Amino acid sequence: MNDFTVNLNIKDECCTKCGNTTLQKEVIITSFNQTIDLQGCYILNVIEVGPSFIKVIIQNGMYVIIRTIFPTYAMQVSLPSDCNTKHVITICTQVCRV
């Protein structure tokens, strides 16, 4: 990540029969060691950066999801959760050359 910083805008939505919980996070990533906490015991890490993409890993100890995200559109990822919960995160990114 020596040549890039990554701006992430994350919308983390959990929907249950009892209600909805939405968290909005804006984070500047400058190191692969930075971890972003999500709902449902998930964490997100940036694992690769290029001039026009980032690759993230989302995990919770049981499930591991790897996605490539491009700055041209928002990526939605449906995360595994229990049968009464719908968990979706939406990630927008901007890659900046340092």
N, C-alpha and C. Protein backbone atom coordinates (compact mmCIF):
# COMPACT_ATOMS: atom_id res chain seq x y z
N MET A 1 0.82 -1.20 0.00
CA MET A 1 0.00 0.00 0.00
C MET A 1 0.85 1.25 0.00
N ASN A 2 2.13 1.12 -0.31
CA ASN A 2 3.01 2.27 -0.27
C ASN A 2 2.60 3.36 -1.25
N ASP A 3 2.00 2.99 -2.36
CA ASP A 3 1.65 3.96 -3.38
C ASP A 3 0.20 4.43 -3.32
N PHE A 4 -0.64 3.79 -2.48
CA PHE A 4 -2.07 4.08 -2.49
C PHE A 4 -2.63 4.24 -1.09
N THR A 5 -3.69 5.03 -0.99
CA THR A 5 -4.58 5.01 0.16
C THR A 5 -5.96 4.70 -0.38
N VAL A 6 -6.80 4.12 0.46
CA VAL A 6 -8.13 3.69 0.04
C VAL A 6 -9.16 4.35 0.95
N ASN A 7 -10.14 5.00 0.34
CA ASN A 7 -11.28 5.53 1.08
C ASN A 7 -12.43 4.55 0.93
N LEU A 8 -12.95 4.06 2.04
CA LEU A 8 -14.08 3.14 2.02
C LEU A 8 -15.29 3.79 2.65
N ASN A 9 -16.43 3.62 2.00
CA ASN A 9 -17.72 4.03 2.56
C ASN A 9 -18.54 2.76 2.66
N ILE A 10 -18.86 2.34 3.88
CA ILE A 10 -19.52 1.06 4.12
C ILE A 10 -20.87 1.29 4.78
N LYS A 11 -21.89 0.69 4.20
CA LYS A 11 -23.23 0.66 4.79
C LYS A 11 -23.48 -0.78 5.20
N ASP A 12 -23.63 -1.02 6.49
CA ASP A 12 -23.76 -2.36 7.07
C ASP A 12 -25.19 -2.51 7.60
N GLU A 13 -26.02 -3.33 6.93
CA GLU A 13 -27.43 -3.46 7.28
C GLU A 13 -27.77 -4.87 7.75
N CYS A 14 -28.39 -4.96 8.93
CA CYS A 14 -28.93 -6.22 9.44
C CYS A 14 -30.43 -6.04 9.62
N CYS A 15 -31.21 -6.93 9.02
CA CYS A 15 -32.66 -6.86 9.09
C CYS A 15 -33.18 -8.14 9.75
N THR A 16 -34.01 -7.96 10.78
CA THR A 16 -34.65 -9.08 11.46
C THR A 16 -36.14 -8.82 11.54
N LYS A 17 -36.88 -9.77 12.09
CA LYS A 17 -38.31 -9.59 12.29
C LYS A 17 -38.59 -8.45 13.27
N CYS A 18 -37.64 -8.22 14.16
CA CYS A 18 -37.84 -7.20 15.20
C CYS A 18 -37.42 -5.80 14.78
N GLY A 19 -36.69 -5.67 13.69
CA GLY A 19 -36.27 -4.34 13.26
C GLY A 19 -35.00 -4.38 12.43
N ASN A 20 -34.55 -3.19 12.07
CA ASN A 20 -33.37 -3.04 11.24
C ASN A 20 -32.30 -2.27 11.99
N THR A 21 -31.05 -2.67 11.76
CA THR A 21 -29.91 -1.94 12.30
C THR A 21 -28.99 -1.61 11.14
N THR A 22 -28.73 -0.31 10.95
CA THR A 22 -27.85 0.13 9.86
C THR A 22 -26.72 0.95 10.44
N LEU A 23 -25.50 0.57 10.09
CA LEU A 23 -24.32 1.33 10.49
C LEU A 23 -23.66 1.87 9.24
N GLN A 24 -23.27 3.13 9.28
CA GLN A 24 -22.57 3.77 8.16
C GLN A 24 -21.17 4.11 8.64
N LYS A 25 -20.16 3.68 7.87
CA LYS A 25 -18.78 3.95 8.24
C LYS A 25 -18.03 4.51 7.05
N GLU A 26 -17.21 5.52 7.31
CA GLU A 26 -16.27 6.04 6.32
C GLU A 26 -14.88 5.88 6.91
N VAL A 27 -14.02 5.15 6.19
CA VAL A 27 -12.71 4.80 6.73
C VAL A 27 -11.65 5.05 5.67
N ILE A 28 -10.52 5.60 6.09
CA ILE A 28 -9.36 5.74 5.22
C ILE A 28 -8.38 4.64 5.59
N ILE A 29 -8.06 3.80 4.62
CA ILE A 29 -7.16 2.67 4.84
C ILE A 29 -5.77 3.05 4.32
N THR A 30 -4.78 2.97 5.20
CA THR A 30 -3.40 3.28 4.82
C THR A 30 -2.47 2.09 5.04
N SER A 31 -3.01 0.99 5.59
CA SER A 31 -2.20 -0.18 5.89
C SER A 31 -3.04 -1.44 5.76
N PHE A 32 -2.42 -2.52 5.32
CA PHE A 32 -3.12 -3.80 5.24
C PHE A 32 -3.46 -4.35 6.63
N ASN A 33 -2.86 -3.80 7.67
CA ASN A 33 -3.12 -4.26 9.04
C ASN A 33 -4.40 -3.69 9.64
N GLN A 34 -5.01 -2.69 8.99
CA GLN A 34 -6.22 -2.08 9.53
C GLN A 34 -7.40 -3.03 9.37
N THR A 35 -8.18 -3.16 10.44
CA THR A 35 -9.36 -4.02 10.46
C THR A 35 -10.59 -3.15 10.73
N ILE A 36 -11.66 -3.42 9.99
CA ILE A 36 -12.92 -2.71 10.17
C ILE A 36 -13.92 -3.68 10.76
N ASP A 37 -14.49 -3.35 11.91
CA ASP A 37 -15.50 -4.19 12.54
C ASP A 37 -16.85 -3.97 11.88
N LEU A 38 -17.54 -5.09 11.60
CA LEU A 38 -18.88 -5.06 11.04
C LEU A 38 -19.83 -5.74 12.01
N GLN A 39 -21.12 -5.66 11.75
CA GLN A 39 -22.11 -6.33 12.59
C GLN A 39 -22.00 -7.84 12.40
N GLY A 40 -22.55 -8.60 13.34
CA GLY A 40 -22.56 -10.05 13.23
C GLY A 40 -21.20 -10.68 13.41
N CYS A 41 -20.31 -10.03 14.14
CA CYS A 41 -18.95 -10.52 14.42
C CYS A 41 -18.09 -10.64 13.17
N TYR A 42 -18.43 -9.94 12.10
CA TYR A 42 -17.61 -9.94 10.89
C TYR A 42 -16.56 -8.84 10.98
N ILE A 43 -15.43 -9.08 10.32
CA ILE A 43 -14.40 -8.05 10.16
C ILE A 43 -14.04 -7.96 8.68
N LEU A 44 -13.56 -6.80 8.27
CA LEU A 44 -13.17 -6.55 6.89
C LEU A 44 -11.74 -6.05 6.87
N ASN A 45 -10.94 -6.59 5.95
CA ASN A 45 -9.57 -6.13 5.72
C ASN A 45 -9.36 -5.93 4.23
N VAL A 46 -8.61 -4.90 3.87
CA VAL A 46 -8.16 -4.72 2.49
C VAL A 46 -6.91 -5.57 2.34
N ILE A 47 -6.88 -6.45 1.30
CA ILE A 47 -5.73 -7.35 1.14
C ILE A 47 -4.93 -7.06 -0.13
N GLU A 48 -5.48 -6.27 -1.05
CA GLU A 48 -4.75 -5.91 -2.26
C GLU A 48 -5.30 -4.60 -2.80
N VAL A 49 -4.42 -3.78 -3.36
CA VAL A 49 -4.82 -2.49 -3.93
C VAL A 49 -4.12 -2.30 -5.25
N GLY A 50 -4.88 -1.86 -6.24
CA GLY A 50 -4.32 -1.48 -7.54
C GLY A 50 -4.84 -0.11 -7.91
N PRO A 51 -4.42 0.43 -9.03
CA PRO A 51 -4.85 1.78 -9.41
C PRO A 51 -6.36 1.90 -9.66
N SER A 52 -7.02 0.77 -9.97
CA SER A 52 -8.45 0.86 -10.28
C SER A 52 -9.27 -0.22 -9.58
N PHE A 53 -8.77 -0.78 -8.49
CA PHE A 53 -9.53 -1.80 -7.75
C PHE A 53 -8.95 -1.96 -6.35
N ILE A 54 -9.76 -2.58 -5.48
CA ILE A 54 -9.25 -3.09 -4.21
C ILE A 54 -9.82 -4.49 -4.03
N LYS A 55 -9.13 -5.29 -3.25
CA LYS A 55 -9.62 -6.63 -2.91
C LYS A 55 -9.76 -6.67 -1.40
N VAL A 56 -10.93 -7.12 -0.93
CA VAL A 56 -11.19 -7.18 0.50
C VAL A 56 -11.48 -8.62 0.91
N ILE A 57 -11.21 -8.90 2.18
CA ILE A 57 -11.60 -10.17 2.78
C ILE A 57 -12.52 -9.85 3.94
N ILE A 58 -13.66 -10.53 3.98
CA ILE A 58 -14.66 -10.36 5.03
C ILE A 58 -14.79 -11.71 5.71
N GLN A 59 -14.64 -11.74 7.03
CA GLN A 59 -14.66 -13.03 7.73
C GLN A 59 -15.21 -12.89 9.14
N ASN A 60 -15.69 -14.03 9.66
CA ASN A 60 -16.19 -14.03 11.03
C ASN A 60 -15.75 -15.27 11.82
N GLY A 61 -14.75 -15.98 11.34
CA GLY A 61 -14.29 -17.19 12.03
C GLY A 61 -14.90 -18.45 11.46
N MET A 62 -16.04 -18.32 10.80
CA MET A 62 -16.68 -19.47 10.16
C MET A 62 -16.72 -19.30 8.64
N TYR A 63 -17.03 -18.08 8.20
CA TYR A 63 -17.15 -17.79 6.78
C TYR A 63 -16.05 -16.82 6.35
N VAL A 64 -15.56 -17.01 5.12
CA VAL A 64 -14.56 -16.14 4.53
C VAL A 64 -15.04 -15.76 3.14
N ILE A 65 -15.13 -14.46 2.87
CA ILE A 65 -15.60 -13.96 1.58
C ILE A 65 -14.54 -13.00 1.06
N ILE A 66 -14.11 -13.22 -0.19
CA ILE A 66 -13.14 -12.34 -0.83
C ILE A 66 -13.82 -11.72 -2.04
N ARG A 67 -13.74 -10.39 -2.16
CA ARG A 67 -14.35 -9.68 -3.28
C ARG A 67 -13.41 -8.62 -3.81
N THR A 68 -13.46 -8.42 -5.13
CA THR A 68 -12.77 -7.33 -5.78
C THR A 68 -13.78 -6.21 -5.99
N ILE A 69 -13.42 -5.00 -5.59
CA ILE A 69 -14.33 -3.86 -5.66
C ILE A 69 -13.71 -2.79 -6.55
N PHE A 70 -14.51 -2.28 -7.46
CA PHE A 70 -14.06 -1.24 -8.39
C PHE A 70 -14.72 0.09 -8.01
N PRO A 71 -14.02 1.20 -8.17
CA PRO A 71 -14.57 2.51 -7.77
C PRO A 71 -15.75 2.97 -8.62
N THR A 72 -16.02 2.31 -9.73
CA THR A 72 -17.06 2.78 -10.64
C THR A 72 -18.48 2.47 -10.16
N TYR A 73 -18.63 1.55 -9.19
CA TYR A 73 -19.97 1.24 -8.68
C TYR A 73 -19.89 0.68 -7.27
N ALA A 74 -21.02 0.75 -6.56
CA ALA A 74 -21.09 0.21 -5.21
C ALA A 74 -21.29 -1.30 -5.27
N MET A 75 -20.55 -2.03 -4.48
CA MET A 75 -20.65 -3.49 -4.42
C MET A 75 -21.49 -3.87 -3.22
N GLN A 76 -22.51 -4.71 -3.44
CA GLN A 76 -23.30 -5.25 -2.34
C GLN A 76 -22.91 -6.70 -2.11
N VAL A 77 -22.73 -7.05 -0.84
CA VAL A 77 -22.37 -8.41 -0.47
C VAL A 77 -23.37 -8.88 0.58
N SER A 78 -24.03 -10.00 0.30
CA SER A 78 -24.92 -10.61 1.28
C SER A 78 -24.10 -11.59 2.11
N LEU A 79 -24.08 -11.35 3.42
CA LEU A 79 -23.27 -12.17 4.32
C LEU A 79 -24.10 -13.28 4.94
N PRO A 80 -23.53 -14.47 5.09
CA PRO A 80 -24.25 -15.55 5.76
C PRO A 80 -24.59 -15.15 7.20
N SER A 81 -25.80 -15.46 7.61
CA SER A 81 -26.24 -15.16 8.97
C SER A 81 -27.29 -16.20 9.36
N ASP A 82 -27.81 -16.09 10.57
CA ASP A 82 -28.81 -17.07 10.99
C ASP A 82 -30.09 -16.91 10.16
N CYS A 83 -31.00 -17.85 10.28
CA CYS A 83 -32.15 -17.90 9.38
C CYS A 83 -33.13 -16.74 9.57
N ASN A 84 -33.06 -16.01 10.67
CA ASN A 84 -33.98 -14.91 10.90
C ASN A 84 -33.38 -13.55 10.60
N THR A 85 -32.19 -13.51 10.05
CA THR A 85 -31.49 -12.26 9.82
C THR A 85 -31.02 -12.16 8.37
N LYS A 86 -31.18 -10.98 7.80
CA LYS A 86 -30.62 -10.68 6.48
C LYS A 86 -29.51 -9.67 6.73
N HIS A 87 -28.29 -9.98 6.29
CA HIS A 87 -27.13 -9.11 6.54
C HIS A 87 -26.50 -8.75 5.20
N VAL A 88 -26.56 -7.48 4.83
CA VAL A 88 -26.03 -7.00 3.56
C VAL A 88 -25.11 -5.81 3.84
N ILE A 89 -23.94 -5.83 3.22
CA ILE A 89 -23.08 -4.65 3.29
C ILE A 89 -22.92 -4.08 1.88
N THR A 90 -22.88 -2.78 1.80
CA THR A 90 -22.65 -2.07 0.55
C THR A 90 -21.35 -1.30 0.71
N ILE A 91 -20.43 -1.49 -0.24
CA ILE A 91 -19.10 -0.89 -0.14
C ILE A 91 -18.84 -0.04 -1.37
N CYS A 92 -18.50 1.22 -1.14
CA CYS A 92 -18.03 2.12 -2.19
C CYS A 92 -16.57 2.43 -1.88
N THR A 93 -15.76 2.55 -2.91
CA THR A 93 -14.34 2.79 -2.67
C THR A 93 -13.80 3.87 -3.61
N GLN A 94 -12.75 4.49 -3.15
CA GLN A 94 -11.98 5.42 -3.95
C GLN A 94 -10.51 5.14 -3.68
N VAL A 95 -9.76 4.87 -4.73
CA VAL A 95 -8.33 4.59 -4.61
C VAL A 95 -7.57 5.87 -4.95
N CYS A 96 -6.69 6.28 -4.06
CA CYS A 96 -5.93 7.52 -4.27
C CYS A 96 -4.44 7.19 -4.29
N ARG A 97 -3.77 7.69 -5.30
CA ARG A 97 -2.32 7.51 -5.39
C ARG A 97 -1.67 8.54 -4.47
N VAL A 98 -0.70 8.07 -3.69
CA VAL A 98 -0.02 8.93 -2.72
C VAL A 98 1.15 9.60 -3.38
